[in-house]
C-alpha atoms as a PDB file:
ATOM      1  CA  MET A   1       0.000   0.000   0.000  1.00  0.00           C
ATOM      2  CA  LYS A   2       1.589   3.243  -1.154  1.00  0.00           C
ATOM      3  CA  LEU A   3       0.828   6.064   1.302  1.00  0.00           C
ATOM      4  CA  LEU A   4       1.154   9.841   1.222  1.00  0.00           C
ATOM      5  CA  ALA A   5       1.423  11.577   4.618  1.00  0.00           C
ATOM      6  CA  VAL A   6       0.798  15.339   4.687  1.00  0.00           C
ATOM      7  CA  ASP A   7       1.610  17.498   7.734  1.00  0.00           C
ATOM      8  CA  ASP A   8       3.180  20.935   8.094  1.00  0.00           C
ATOM      9  CA  ASP A   9       4.776  19.920  11.413  1.00  0.00           C
ATOM     10  CA  PRO A  10       8.205  18.415  10.521  1.00  0.00           C
ATOM     11  CA  MET A  11       8.329  16.382  13.761  1.00  0.00           C
ATOM     12  CA  ILE A  12       4.921  14.735  13.148  1.00  0.00           C
ATOM     13  CA  LEU A  13       5.802  14.083   9.512  1.00  0.00           C
ATOM     14  CA  GLU A  14       9.113  12.506  10.495  1.00  0.00           C
ATOM     15  CA  LEU A  15       7.334  10.407  13.127  1.00  0.00           C
ATOM     16  CA  LEU A  16       4.909   9.070  10.511  1.00  0.00           C
ATOM     17  CA  LEU A  17       7.692   8.351   8.015  1.00  0.00           C
ATOM     18  CA  GLU A  18       9.627   6.432  10.682  1.00  0.00           C
ATOM     19  CA  THR A  19       6.660   4.654  12.297  1.00  0.00           C
ATOM     20  CA  LEU A  20       4.595   3.426   9.334  1.00  0.00           C
ATOM     21  CA  PRO A  21       7.293   1.151   7.785  1.00  0.00           C
ATOM     22  CA  GLY A  22       7.572  -0.682  11.108  1.00  0.00           C
ATOM     23  CA  LEU A  23       3.796  -1.222  11.045  1.00  0.00           C
ATOM     24  CA  GLY A  24       3.912  -2.922   7.649  1.00  0.00           C
ATOM     25  CA  TYR A  25       3.663   0.130   5.368  1.00  0.00           C
ATOM     26  CA  PRO A  26       7.173   0.628   3.941  1.00  0.00           C
ATOM     27  CA  ASP A  27       6.168   2.765   0.925  1.00  0.00           C
ATOM     28  CA  VAL A  28       5.452   6.150   2.522  1.00  0.00           C
ATOM     29  CA  THR A  29       6.030   9.588   0.983  1.00  0.00           C
ATOM     30  CA  GLY A  30       5.890  12.796   3.010  1.00  0.00           C
ATOM     31  CA  ALA A  31       4.658  16.273   2.091  1.00  0.00           C
ATOM     32  CA  GLY A  32       4.872  19.412   4.226  1.00  0.00           C
ATOM     33  CA  SER A  33       1.902  21.221   2.689  1.00  0.00           C
ATOM     34  CA  ALA A  34      -1.234  20.676   0.643  1.00  0.00           C
ATOM     35  CA  ALA A  35       0.433  22.328  -2.371  1.00  0.00           C
ATOM     36  CA  GLU A  36       3.365  19.908  -2.191  1.00  0.00           C
ATOM     37  CA  ALA A  37       0.954  16.987  -1.809  1.00  0.00           C
ATOM     38  CA  MET A  38      -1.035  18.038  -4.887  1.00  0.00           C
ATOM     39  CA  LYS A  39       2.180  18.215  -6.914  1.00  0.00           C
ATOM     40  CA  LEU A  40       3.248  14.751  -5.755  1.00  0.00           C
ATOM     41  CA  ILE A  41      -0.186  13.294  -6.560  1.00  0.00           C
ATOM     42  CA  ALA A  42      -0.136  14.829 -10.041  1.00  0.00           C
ATOM     43  CA  GLU A  43       3.376  13.572 -10.799  1.00  0.00           C
ATOM     44  CA  ALA A  44       3.241  10.078  -9.214  1.00  0.00           C
ATOM     45  CA  PRO A  45       3.368   7.550 -12.080  1.00  0.00           C
ATOM     46  CA  GLN A  46       1.535   4.811 -10.136  1.00  0.00           C
ATOM     47  CA  GLY A  47      -0.476   7.095  -7.849  1.00  0.00           C
ATOM     48  CA  PHE A  48      -1.078   6.548  -4.130  1.00  0.00           C
ATOM     49  CA  ASP A  49      -3.285   3.965  -2.420  1.00  0.00           C
ATOM     50  CA  GLY A  50      -4.033   5.895   0.775  1.00  0.00           C
ATOM     51  CA  PHE A  51      -3.569   9.263   2.464  1.00  0.00           C
ATOM     52  CA  LEU A  52      -2.935  10.621   5.967  1.00  0.00           C
ATOM     53  CA  LEU A  53      -3.794  14.323   6.207  1.00  0.00           C
ATOM     54  CA  ASP A  54      -3.323  16.946   8.895  1.00  0.00           C
ATOM     55  CA  ILE A  55      -6.182  19.464   9.122  1.00  0.00           C
ATOM     56  CA  GLN A  56      -4.612  22.761  10.128  1.00  0.00           C
ATOM     57  CA  MET A  57      -2.034  23.705   7.513  1.00  0.00           C
ATOM     58  CA  PRO A  58      -1.151  27.085   5.972  1.00  0.00           C
ATOM     59  CA  GLY A  59      -2.562  27.857   2.531  1.00  0.00           C
ATOM     60  CA  MET A  60      -4.965  24.944   2.132  1.00  0.00           C
ATOM     61  CA  THR A  61      -6.342  22.892   5.017  1.00  0.00           C
ATOM     62  CA  GLY A  62      -6.377  19.114   5.071  1.00  0.00           C
ATOM     63  CA  ILE A  63     -10.176  19.205   4.771  1.00  0.00           C
ATOM     64  CA  ASP A  64      -9.934  21.194   1.530  1.00  0.00           C
ATOM     65  CA  LEU A  65      -7.205  18.851   0.308  1.00  0.00           C
ATOM     66  CA  CYS A  66      -9.434  15.856   1.049  1.00  0.00           C
ATOM     67  CA  ARG A  67     -12.288  17.455  -0.905  1.00  0.00           C
ATOM     68  CA  TRP A  68      -9.936  18.140  -3.839  1.00  0.00           C
ATOM     69  CA  LEU A  69      -8.593  14.603  -3.650  1.00  0.00           C
ATOM     70  CA  ARG A  70     -12.070  13.066  -3.967  1.00  0.00           C
ATOM     71  CA  ASP A  71     -12.480  14.857  -7.308  1.00  0.00           C
ATOM     72  CA  GLN A  72      -9.300  13.344  -8.754  1.00  0.00           C
ATOM     73  CA  PRO A  73      -9.600  10.302 -11.061  1.00  0.00           C
ATOM     74  CA  GLY A  74      -8.870   7.059  -9.220  1.00  0.00           C
ATOM     75  CA  HIS A  75      -9.184   8.495  -5.707  1.00  0.00           C
ATOM     76  CA  GLY A  76     -12.934   8.531  -5.184  1.00  0.00           C
ATOM     77  CA  GLN A  77     -12.666   5.440  -2.961  1.00  0.00           C
ATOM     78  CA  SER A  78      -9.072   5.728  -1.637  1.00  0.00           C
ATOM     79  CA  PRO A  79      -8.708   5.550   2.164  1.00  0.00           C
ATOM     80  CA  VAL A  80      -8.167   9.031   3.654  1.00  0.00           C
ATOM     81  CA  LEU A  81      -7.336   9.304   7.357  1.00  0.00           C
ATOM     82  CA  MET A  82      -7.332  12.709   9.008  1.00  0.00           C
ATOM     83  CA  ILE A  83      -4.616  12.876  11.679  1.00  0.00           C
ATOM     84  CA  THR A  84      -5.094  15.996  13.762  1.00  0.00           C
ATOM     85  CA  ALA A  85      -5.128  17.566  17.201  1.00  0.00           C
ATOM     86  CA  MET A  86      -8.586  19.036  16.470  1.00  0.00           C
ATOM     87  CA  SER A  87     -11.243  17.121  18.406  1.00  0.00           C
ATOM     88  CA  ASP A  88     -14.198  19.556  18.094  1.00  0.00           C
ATOM     89  CA  ARG A  89     -17.295  18.091  16.417  1.00  0.00           C
ATOM     90  CA  GLY A  90     -17.256  20.872  13.819  1.00  0.00           C
ATOM     91  CA  PHE A  91     -13.926  19.654  12.442  1.00  0.00           C
ATOM     92  CA  ILE A  92     -15.088  16.036  12.595  1.00  0.00           C
ATOM     93  CA  ASP A  93     -18.276  16.865  10.662  1.00  0.00           C
ATOM     94  CA  GLN A  94     -16.396  18.880   8.033  1.00  0.00           C
ATOM     95  CA  SER A  95     -13.815  16.127   7.553  1.00  0.00           C
ATOM     96  CA  PHE A  96     -16.328  13.362   6.917  1.00  0.00           C
ATOM     97  CA  ALA A  97     -18.449  15.656   4.735  1.00  0.00           C
ATOM     98  CA  ALA A  98     -15.333  16.267   2.620  1.00  0.00           C
ATOM     99  CA  GLY A  99     -14.874  12.522   2.109  1.00  0.00           C
ATOM    100  CA  ALA A 100     -12.567  11.380   4.930  1.00  0.00           C
ATOM    101  CA  THR A 101     -12.607   7.663   5.718  1.00  0.00           C
ATOM    102  CA  ASP A 102     -11.501   7.984   9.328  1.00  0.00           C
ATOM    103  CA  TYR A 103     -10.364  10.526  11.912  1.00  0.00           C
ATOM    104  CA  VAL A 104      -7.451  10.004  14.295  1.00  0.00           C
ATOM    105  CA  THR A 105      -6.544  12.524  17.008  1.00  0.00           C
ATOM    106  CA  LYS A 106      -3.001  13.379  18.053  1.00  0.00           C
ATOM    107  CA  PRO A 107      -1.102  12.082  19.878  1.00  0.00           C
ATOM    108  CA  PHE A 108      -1.934   8.864  18.030  1.00  0.00           C
ATOM    109  CA  ASN A 109      -1.272   5.300  19.090  1.00  0.00           C
ATOM    110  CA  PRO A 110       0.825   3.578  16.375  1.00  0.00           C
ATOM    111  CA  GLN A 111      -0.964   0.241  16.769  1.00  0.00           C
ATOM    112  CA  GLU A 112      -4.395   1.864  16.573  1.00  0.00           C
ATOM    113  CA  LEU A 113      -3.305   3.793  13.465  1.00  0.00           C
ATOM    114  CA  SER A 114      -2.087   0.553  11.891  1.00  0.00           C
ATOM    115  CA  ALA A 115      -5.382  -1.205  12.648  1.00  0.00           C
ATOM    116  CA  ARG A 116      -7.440   1.601  11.109  1.00  0.00           C
ATOM    117  CA  LEU A 117      -5.260   1.695   8.004  1.00  0.00           C
ATOM    118  CA  HIS A 118      -5.512  -2.077   7.644  1.00  0.00           C
ATOM    119  CA  HIS A 119      -9.305  -2.057   7.974  1.00  0.00           C
ATOM    120  CA  ALA A 120      -9.703   0.765   5.451  1.00  0.00           C
ATOM    121  CA  GLN A 121      -7.299  -0.929   3.032  1.00  0.00           C
ATOM    122  CA  LYS A 122      -9.119  -4.268   3.321  1.00  0.00           C
ATOM    123  CA  LEU A 123     -12.520  -2.758   2.529  1.00  0.00           C
ATOM    124  CA  HIS A 124     -11.047  -0.695  -0.316  1.00  0.00           C
ATOM    125  CA  GLN A 125      -9.559  -3.810  -1.915  1.00  0.00           C
ATOM    126  CA  GLU A 126     -12.800  -5.766  -1.506  1.00  0.00           C
ATOM    127  CA  ARG A 127     -14.770  -3.034  -3.270  1.00  0.00           C
ATOM    128  CA  ARG A 128     -12.284  -2.970  -6.163  1.00  0.00           C
ATOM    129  CA  THR A 129     -12.523  -6.729  -6.712  1.00  0.00           C
ATOM    130  CA  PRO A 130     -14.465  -7.529  -9.912  1.00  0.00           C
ATOM    131  CA  VAL A 131     -17.882  -9.098  -9.292  1.00  0.00           C
ATOM    132  CA  THR A 132     -20.694 -10.404 -11.451  1.00  0.00           C
ATOM    133  CA  MET A 133     -22.822  -7.532 -12.753  1.00  0.00           C
ATOM    134  CA  PRO A 134     -26.413  -7.702 -13.969  1.00  0.00           C
ATOM    135  CA  GLN A 135     -25.210  -6.622 -17.448  1.00  0.00           C
ATOM    136  CA  ASP A 136     -21.975  -5.375 -18.977  1.00  0.00           C
ATOM    137  CA  VAL A 137     -20.960  -1.788 -18.310  1.00  0.00           C
ATOM    138  CA  THR A 138     -20.741  -0.033 -21.667  1.00  0.00           C
ATOM    139  CA  THR A 139     -21.956   3.553 -21.952  1.00  0.00           C
ATOM    140  CA  ALA A 140     -20.604   4.922 -18.668  1.00  0.00           C
ATOM    141  CA  GLU A 141     -17.072   3.528 -19.034  1.00  0.00           C
ATOM    142  CA  ALA A 142     -16.945   4.437 -22.720  1.00  0.00           C
ATOM    143  CA  HIS A 143     -17.480   8.075 -21.773  1.00  0.00           C
ATOM    144  CA  GLY A 144     -15.084   8.188 -18.843  1.00  0.00           C
ATOM    145  CA  VAL A 145     -17.536   7.618 -15.979  1.00  0.00           C
ATOM    146  CA  GLN A 146     -15.794   5.283 -13.499  1.00  0.00           C
ATOM    147  CA  MET A 147     -18.166   2.619 -12.206  1.00  0.00           C
ATOM    148  CA  PRO A 148     -17.307   0.854  -8.924  1.00  0.00           C
ATOM    149  CA  ALA A 149     -17.280  -2.936  -8.706  1.00  0.00           C
ATOM    150  CA  PHE A 150     -20.390  -4.008  -6.868  1.00  0.00           C
ATOM    151  CA  SER A 151     -23.022  -6.657  -6.324  1.00  0.00           C
ATOM    152  CA  LEU A 152     -26.518  -6.166  -4.902  1.00  0.00           C
ATOM    153  CA  THR A 153     -25.184  -6.302  -1.337  1.00  0.00           C
ATOM    154  CA  THR A 154     -22.146  -4.031  -1.875  1.00  0.00           C
ATOM    155  CA  PRO A 155     -22.351  -0.782   0.146  1.00  0.00           C
ATOM    156  CA  PHE A 156     -20.609   1.224  -2.578  1.00  0.00           C
ATOM    157  CA  ASN A 157     -19.914   4.902  -2.027  1.00  0.00           C
ATOM    158  CA  ILE A 158     -21.853   7.570  -3.965  1.00  0.00           C
ATOM    159  CA  ALA A 159     -19.293  10.347  -3.822  1.00  0.00           C
ATOM    160  CA  GLU A 160     -20.927  12.753  -6.287  1.00  0.00           C
ATOM    161  CA  VAL A 161     -23.926  13.478  -4.027  1.00  0.00           C
ATOM    162  CA  SER A 162     -23.457  16.103  -1.308  1.00  0.00           C
ATOM    163  CA  GLY A 163     -24.267  14.794   2.157  1.00  0.00           C
ATOM    164  CA  VAL A 164     -23.680  11.150   1.201  1.00  0.00           C
ATOM    165  CA  VAL A 165     -20.654   9.417   2.739  1.00  0.00           C
ATOM    166  CA  ASP A 166     -19.161   5.955   2.585  1.00  0.00           C
ATOM    167  CA  LEU A 167     -20.693   3.442   5.031  1.00  0.00           C
ATOM    168  CA  LEU A 168     -17.299   2.824   6.651  1.00  0.00           C
ATOM    169  CA  ALA A 169     -16.872   6.583   7.076  1.00  0.00           C
ATOM    170  CA  LEU A 170     -20.308   6.883   8.720  1.00  0.00           C
ATOM    171  CA  GLU A 171     -19.431   4.102  11.154  1.00  0.00           C
ATOM    172  CA  ASN A 172     -16.086   5.756  11.946  1.00  0.00           C
ATOM    173  CA  TYR A 173     -17.898   9.080  12.364  1.00  0.00           C
ATOM    174  CA  LEU A 174     -20.152   7.582  15.044  1.00  0.00           C
ATOM    175  CA  LEU A 175     -17.166   5.999  16.784  1.00  0.00           C
ATOM    176  CA  GLN A 176     -15.370   9.345  16.754  1.00  0.00           C
ATOM    177  CA  LEU A 177     -18.238  11.402  18.214  1.00  0.00           C
ATOM    178  CA  GLY A 178     -18.380   9.640  21.570  1.00  0.00           C
ATOM    179  CA  ARG A 179     -21.208  10.034  24.038  1.00  0.00           C
ATOM    180  CA  GLY A 180     -21.167  13.825  24.088  1.00  0.00           C
ATOM    181  CA  GLY A 181     -22.131  14.014  20.415  1.00  0.00           C
ATOM    182  CA  MET A 182     -24.828  11.337  20.629  1.00  0.00           C
ATOM    183  CA  ILE A 183     -27.303  12.840  23.089  1.00  0.00           C
ATOM    184  CA  ALA A 184     -29.296  14.802  20.479  1.00  0.00           C
ATOM    185  CA  SER A 185     -28.625  12.387  17.597  1.00  0.00           C
ATOM    186  CA  ALA A 186     -30.811   9.786  15.922  1.00  0.00           C
ATOM    187  CA  CYS A 187     -30.319   7.159  13.252  1.00  0.00           C
ATOM    188  CA  PHE A 188     -32.896   5.748  10.841  1.00  0.00           C
ATOM    189  CA  ALA A 189     -32.912   3.943   7.519  1.00  0.00           C
ATOM    190  CA  TYR A 190     -34.700   3.523   4.196  1.00  0.00           C
ATOM    191  CA  ARG A 191     -34.936   0.534   1.878  1.00  0.00           C
ATOM    192  CA  ILE A 192     -36.148   0.180  -1.687  1.00  0.00           C
ATOM    193  CA  GLN A 193     -38.968  -2.296  -2.035  1.00  0.00           C
ATOM    194  CA  SER A 194     -38.450  -5.226  -4.429  1.00  0.00           C
ATOM    195  CA  VAL A 195     -34.813  -4.195  -4.856  1.00  0.00           C
ATOM    196  CA  GLU A 196     -33.820  -7.669  -6.059  1.00  0.00           C
ATOM    197  CA  ARG A 197     -36.184  -7.338  -9.035  1.00  0.00           C
ATOM    198  CA  LEU A 198     -34.910  -3.826  -9.696  1.00  0.00           C
ATOM    199  CA  TYR A 199     -31.287  -5.013  -9.634  1.00  0.00           C
ATOM    200  CA  ASP A 200     -31.978  -7.888 -12.007  1.00  0.00           C
ATOM    201  CA  SER A 201     -33.803  -5.604 -14.451  1.00  0.00           C
ATOM    202  CA  CYS A 202     -31.018  -2.973 -14.634  1.00  0.00           C
ATOM    203  CA  SER A 203     -27.674  -2.680 -16.294  1.00  0.00           C
ATOM    204  CA  SER A 204     -24.964  -1.916 -13.726  1.00  0.00           C
ATOM    205  CA  GLU A 205     -24.894   1.745 -14.736  1.00  0.00           C
ATOM    206  CA  GLU A 206     -28.685   2.027 -14.485  1.00  0.00           C
ATOM    207  CA  TYR A 207     -28.622   0.476 -11.022  1.00  0.00           C
ATOM    208  CA  TYR A 208     -25.735   2.662  -9.828  1.00  0.00           C
ATOM    209  CA  TYR A 209     -27.370   5.885 -10.982  1.00  0.00           C
ATOM    210  CA  THR A 210     -30.729   4.828  -9.559  1.00  0.00           C
ATOM    211  CA  MET A 211     -29.058   4.378  -6.165  1.00  0.00           C
ATOM    212  CA  ALA A 212     -27.412   7.781  -6.653  1.00  0.00           C
ATOM    213  CA  ASP A 213     -30.811   9.349  -7.433  1.00  0.00           C
ATOM    214  CA  VAL A 214     -32.370   7.814  -4.310  1.00  0.00           C
ATOM    215  CA  ALA A 215     -29.394   8.967  -2.214  1.00  0.00           C
ATOM    216  CA  GLU A 216     -29.756  12.469  -3.662  1.00  0.00           C
ATOM    217  CA  ALA A 217     -33.478  12.576  -2.852  1.00  0.00           C
ATOM    218  CA  ILE A 218     -32.807  11.471   0.735  1.00  0.00           C
ATOM    219  CA  ALA A 219     -29.814  13.795   1.319  1.00  0.00           C
ATOM    220  CA  GLU A 220     -31.534  16.877  -0.131  1.00  0.00           C
ATOM    221  CA  SER A 221     -34.720  16.252   1.844  1.00  0.00           C
ATOM    222  CA  LEU A 222     -32.772  15.882   5.102  1.00  0.00           C
ATOM    223  CA  ALA A 223     -30.098  18.562   4.571  1.00  0.00           C
ATOM    224  CA  TYR A 224     -31.761  20.953   7.038  1.00  0.00           C
ATOM    225  CA  TYR A 225     -31.367  18.409   9.849  1.00  0.00           C
ATOM    226  CA  GLU A 226     -27.542  18.060   9.622  1.00  0.00           C
ATOM    227  CA  THR A 227     -27.752  14.567   8.200  1.00  0.00           C
ATOM    228  CA  PHE A 228     -25.151  12.149   6.908  1.00  0.00           C
ATOM    229  CA  VAL A 229     -26.484   9.468   4.537  1.00  0.00           C
ATOM    230  CA  ALA A 230     -24.689   6.259   3.535  1.00  0.00           C
ATOM    231  CA  HIS A 231     -25.624   3.605   0.994  1.00  0.00           C
ATOM    232  CA  ALA A 232     -25.618   0.285   2.849  1.00  0.00           C
ATOM    233  CA  GLY A 233     -26.151  -2.187   0.003  1.00  0.00           C
ATOM    234  CA  ARG A 234     -29.249  -4.146  -1.006  1.00  0.00           C
ATOM    235  CA  GLY A 235     -31.264  -0.983  -1.593  1.00  0.00           C
ATOM    236  CA  GLY A 236     -30.653   0.303   1.928  1.00  0.00           C
ATOM    237  CA  PHE A 237     -29.625   3.761   3.130  1.00  0.00           C
ATOM    238  CA  VAL A 238     -28.732   4.639   6.723  1.00  0.00           C
ATOM    239  CA  CYS A 239     -28.938   8.184   8.087  1.00  0.00           C
ATOM    240  CA  VAL A 240     -27.581   9.960  11.158  1.00  0.00           C
ATOM    241  CA  SER A 241     -29.130  13.325  12.086  1.00  0.00           C
ATOM    242  CA  HIS A 242     -28.459  15.772  14.923  1.00  0.00           C
ATOM    243  CA  GLY A 243     -30.917  17.873  16.881  1.00  0.00           C
ATOM    244  CA  HIS A 244     -34.093  17.452  18.908  1.00  0.00           C
ATOM    245  CA  SER A 245     -36.365  19.025  16.258  1.00  0.00           C
ATOM    246  CA  LEU A 246     -36.279  16.069  13.880  1.00  0.00           C
ATOM    247  CA  PRO A 247     -39.813  15.273  12.607  1.00  0.00           C
ATOM    248  CA  GLU A 248     -41.292  11.798  12.882  1.00  0.00           C
ATOM    249  CA  ALA A 249     -40.190   9.144  10.402  1.00  0.00           C
ATOM    250  CA  GLU A 250     -43.338   9.193   8.240  1.00  0.00           C
ATOM    251  CA  GLU A 251     -43.187  12.984   7.977  1.00  0.00           C
ATOM    252  CA  LEU A 252     -39.570  12.766   6.794  1.00  0.00           C
ATOM    253  CA  LEU A 253     -40.469  10.149   4.185  1.00  0.00           C
ATOM    254  CA  LEU A 254     -43.033  12.348   2.403  1.00  0.00           C
ATOM    255  CA  PRO A 255     -40.636  14.917   0.878  1.00  0.00           C
ATOM    256  CA  ILE A 256     -38.279  12.092  -0.165  1.00  0.00           C
ATOM    257  CA  ARG A 257     -41.084  10.379  -2.058  1.00  0.00           C
ATOM    258  CA  ASP A 258     -42.043  13.712  -3.639  1.00  0.00           C
ATOM    259  CA  ARG A 259     -38.477  14.280  -4.854  1.00  0.00           C
ATOM    260  CA  LEU A 260     -38.252  10.781  -6.297  1.00  0.00           C
ATOM    261  CA  GLU A 261     -41.518  11.242  -8.163  1.00  0.00           C
ATOM    262  CA  ALA A 262     -40.307  14.595  -9.509  1.00  0.00           C
ATOM    263  CA  MET A 263     -37.195  12.837 -10.869  1.00  0.00           C
ATOM    264  CA  GLU A 264     -39.473  10.600 -12.988  1.00  0.00           C
ATOM    265  CA  LEU A 265     -37.049   7.680 -12.888  1.00  0.00           C
ATOM    266  CA  GLN A 266     -36.903   5.450 -15.948  1.00  0.00           C
ATOM    267  CA  TYR A 267     -34.756   2.838 -17.642  1.00  0.00           C
ATOM    268  CA  ASP A 268     -32.419   3.905 -20.423  1.00  0.00           C
ATOM    269  CA  ASP A 269     -34.877   2.658 -23.040  1.00  0.00           C
ATOM    270  CA  GLY A 270     -37.568   5.044 -21.756  1.00  0.00           C
ATOM    271  CA  ARG A 271     -39.670   2.599 -19.721  1.00  0.00           C
ATOM    272  CA  PRO A 272     -40.895   3.995 -16.395  1.00  0.00           C
ATOM    273  CA  MET A 273     -39.022   2.550 -13.417  1.00  0.00           C
ATOM    274  CA  PRO A 274     -41.325   1.358 -10.585  1.00  0.00           C
ATOM    275  CA  LEU A 275     -39.770   2.311  -7.262  1.00  0.00           C
ATOM    276  CA  ALA A 276     -41.107   2.594  -3.713  1.00  0.00           C
ATOM    277  CA  LEU A 277     -39.304   3.365  -0.484  1.00  0.00           C
ATOM    278  CA  ASN A 278     -39.846   2.065   3.030  1.00  0.00           C
ATOM    279  CA  GLY A 279     -38.572   3.817   6.173  1.00  0.00           C
ATOM    280  CA  SER A 280     -37.689   2.815   9.724  1.00  0.00           C
ATOM    281  CA  PRO A 281     -38.663   4.594  12.954  1.00  0.00           C
ATOM    282  CA  GLN A 282     -36.081   6.980  14.392  1.00  0.00           C
ATOM    283  CA  MET A 283     -33.721   5.426  16.910  1.00  0.00           C
ATOM    284  CA  ARG A 284     -32.246   7.910  19.357  1.00  0.00           C
ATOM    285  CA  LEU A 285     -28.599   7.256  20.149  1.00  0.00           C
ATOM    286  CA  GLY A 286     -28.757   8.893  23.576  1.00  0.00           C
ATOM    287  CA  LEU A 287     -25.660   7.988  25.567  1.00  0.00           C
ATOM    288  CA  ARG A 288     -24.739   5.074  23.318  1.00  0.00           C
ATOM    289  CA  SER A 289     -21.215   5.159  21.951  1.00  0.00           C
ATOM    290  CA  GLY A 290     -18.805   2.804  20.226  1.00  0.00           C
ATOM    291  CA  PRO A 291     -20.256  -0.566  19.162  1.00  0.00           C
ATOM    292  CA  ALA A 292     -23.618   0.241  20.802  1.00  0.00           C
ATOM    293  CA  ALA A 293     -24.085   3.164  18.396  1.00  0.00           C
ATOM    294  CA  LEU A 294     -23.222   0.936  15.424  1.00  0.00           C
ATOM    295  CA  ASP A 295     -25.793  -1.602  16.636  1.00  0.00           C
ATOM    296  CA  GLN A 296     -28.451   1.094  16.285  1.00  0.00           C
ATOM    297  CA  LEU A 297     -27.557   1.456  12.598  1.00  0.00           C
ATOM    298  CA  ASP A 298     -28.107  -2.276  12.122  1.00  0.00           C
ATOM    299  CA  ARG A 299     -31.434  -2.114  13.973  1.00  0.00           C
ATOM    300  CA  ALA A 300     -32.587   0.785  11.819  1.00  0.00           C
ATOM    301  CA  LEU A 301     -31.752  -1.120   8.621  1.00  0.00           C
ATOM    302  CA  ALA A 302     -33.610  -4.183   9.876  1.00  0.00           C
ATOM    303  CA  ALA A 303     -36.637  -2.051  10.825  1.00  0.00           C
ATOM    304  CA  ALA A 304     -36.726  -0.577   7.301  1.00  0.00           C
ATOM    305  CA  GLU A 305     -37.154  -4.019   5.741  1.00  0.00           C
ATOM    306  CA  PRO A 306     -40.168  -3.479   3.457  1.00  0.00           C
ATOM    307  CA  SER A 307     -43.437  -5.354   3.562  1.00  0.00           C
ATOM    308  CA  ASP A 308     -43.278  -4.964  -0.251  1.00  0.00           C
ATOM    309  CA  PRO A 309     -46.620  -3.462  -1.276  1.00  0.00           C
ATOM    310  CA  ALA A 310     -47.238  -2.508  -4.909  1.00  0.00           C
ATOM    311  CA  PRO A 311     -44.590   0.037  -5.976  1.00  0.00           C
ATOM    312  CA  VAL A 312     -45.453   3.555  -7.036  1.00  0.00           C
ATOM    313  CA  GLN A 313     -45.570   3.908 -10.831  1.00  0.00           C
ATOM    314  CA  ILE A 314     -43.399   6.766 -12.045  1.00  0.00           C
ATOM    315  CA  ARG A 315     -44.551   8.831 -15.024  1.00  0.00           C
ATOM    316  CA  PRO A 316     -42.493   8.402 -18.248  1.00  0.00           C
ATOM    317  CA  ARG A 317     -40.490  11.384 -19.424  1.00  0.00           C
ATOM    318  CA  PRO A 318     -39.259  12.526 -22.862  1.00  0.00           C
ATOM    319  CA  ALA A 319     -36.845  10.141 -24.538  1.00  0.00           C
ATOM    320  CA  LEU A 320     -33.339  11.112 -23.480  1.00  0.00           C
ATOM    321  CA  GLY A 321     -30.931   8.494 -22.146  1.00  0.00           C
ATOM    322  CA  SER A 322     -31.465   8.088 -18.421  1.00  0.00           C
ATOM    323  CA  LEU A 323     -27.724   8.096 -17.759  1.00  0.00           C
ATOM    324  CA  TRP A 324     -27.151  11.336 -19.657  1.00  0.00           C
ATOM    325  CA  LYS A 325     -30.102  13.124 -18.113  1.00  0.00           C
ATOM    326  CA  ARG A 326     -28.842  12.189 -14.655  1.00  0.00           C
ATOM    327  CA  LEU A 327     -25.314  13.367 -15.452  1.00  0.00           C
ATOM    328  CA  PHE A 328     -26.702  16.597 -16.894  1.00  0.00           C
ATOM    329  CA  ARG A 329     -28.754  17.249 -13.748  1.00  0.00           C
ATOM    330  CA  ARG A 330     -25.703  16.634 -11.526  1.00  0.00           C
ATOM    331  CA  ALA A 331     -23.577  18.940 -13.686  1.00  0.00           C
ATOM    332  CA  LEU A 332     -26.160  21.715 -13.280  1.00  0.00           C
ATOM    333  CA  GLY A 333     -26.269  21.076  -9.536  1.00  0.00           C
ATOM    334  CA  GLY A 334     -22.505  21.471  -9.342  1.00  0.00           C
ATOM    335  CA  LEU A 335     -22.774  24.949 -10.874  1.00  0.00           C
ATOM    336  CA  ASN A 336     -25.208  26.248  -8.247  1.00  0.00           C
END
């Protein structure tokens, strides 16, 4: 695993360069600033497999560097660990919103750092392993859209949607918050009904962009409530929101359904795509922390298991490839 460590403190950078080889990561490059890191990333012939970023640096912060990194080809899924002395929730929230995989506070324990790197690397490799797709990927790859390797159960990341994070990152976020950040927080989940039939009827690009559309509808509807959303595989989405003013689950589901209907989802050949969403009750985290908080995510997903009534029929829209209309809408969104 080829790593790039970025820190403006020469002592911390030297510590990382000396410590990581002894932990089983001999290929480590150091950079003293975000600008130097960007130059190294641009010039590296084989690229980097993972990144360790400080937050507070002159010029460009590690959070901004992480956000930039996620936009670079080949690094949408790369493990990014923030290593920082900043423990305030604001910095934690900003880091995971920018695409960080994990968050480690200084002074760090070398063995803990090694374990987190190993776990992130393992999941990254699993998600890059080729799997059987419903149909061959053609259009998206032919036009430079990188599709992740996935099966129905793969919790692949949907990086292009604001407010949506990787499932591993959401779990690490909960572990990082601790009890103090949990008191006013709740988790809940949504699942697509008849998702197995949907998966079997789609090409891989159709399925991926349908999951992205559902994630977008959820994230935009819940943006006011400081919500992180993660795709959990098998048509499931888990959410973590902060604040006591969160409406009841059924009330939250209504605007999501409205947004999905407004999208008028369809297959690439113009057929309307039947899709219905089921939600779980809210599960307050209270004083739960660590594994107990992660258990609540699992309970929310289980509670969102649909009873599978007849799906809502979506109106057909004018004939324009579903993939291209989705990409066009996202491009417009990025300009706002």
